[in-house]
Amino acid sequence: MSRSAIASYSRIPIFGRLRASVGILRKGPLVLVIDRSDGRGLSFPGGLAMPWEAAEQAVKREFTEETGLQIQRCAPLFAYRSSAEVPVELSVYVVEAAGELKDSWEGSPRWLPLADIRAALLPSQKEIVDRLL
């Protein structure tokens, strides 16, 4: 979401709490994150669910769109609510994926240490790092 859309929706959430899903892919001490092209920092691969999508469908679609990788296995890790940016219910999945990493219009995938990403992570996703550390 653009900065103006986030600012507007945080004040007037006309559709209520949005649903989003993200995938956690690990490689040893590293996790895959997206260095966002909108200048908002880092985020875990994922995004908003379409109204007709289940949380797992959303993470599979969004993860592939943002990274180029295909999810092969996906398991729910936890879900939580945040109002740090906009009202959202965030479903977090641990994933296994294969393929070749690719940039997207949303940003560039990067492997970074979990302990080092919190400061640059979207405010709504900081709880994920807190729970995983």
Foldseek 3Di string as FASTA:
>chain_A
DAPVVLVVCLVPVPVPAFEKEFEWEDDVQWTKWFQFPNPQFIEGFITTDDPPDDRVVRHQVRNCQAFVWGWPDKDWDDWDFDSLRHTYIYTYIYTDTDDHTDHHNGGGMDIDGLVPRLVRYRPRCNVVSVVVD
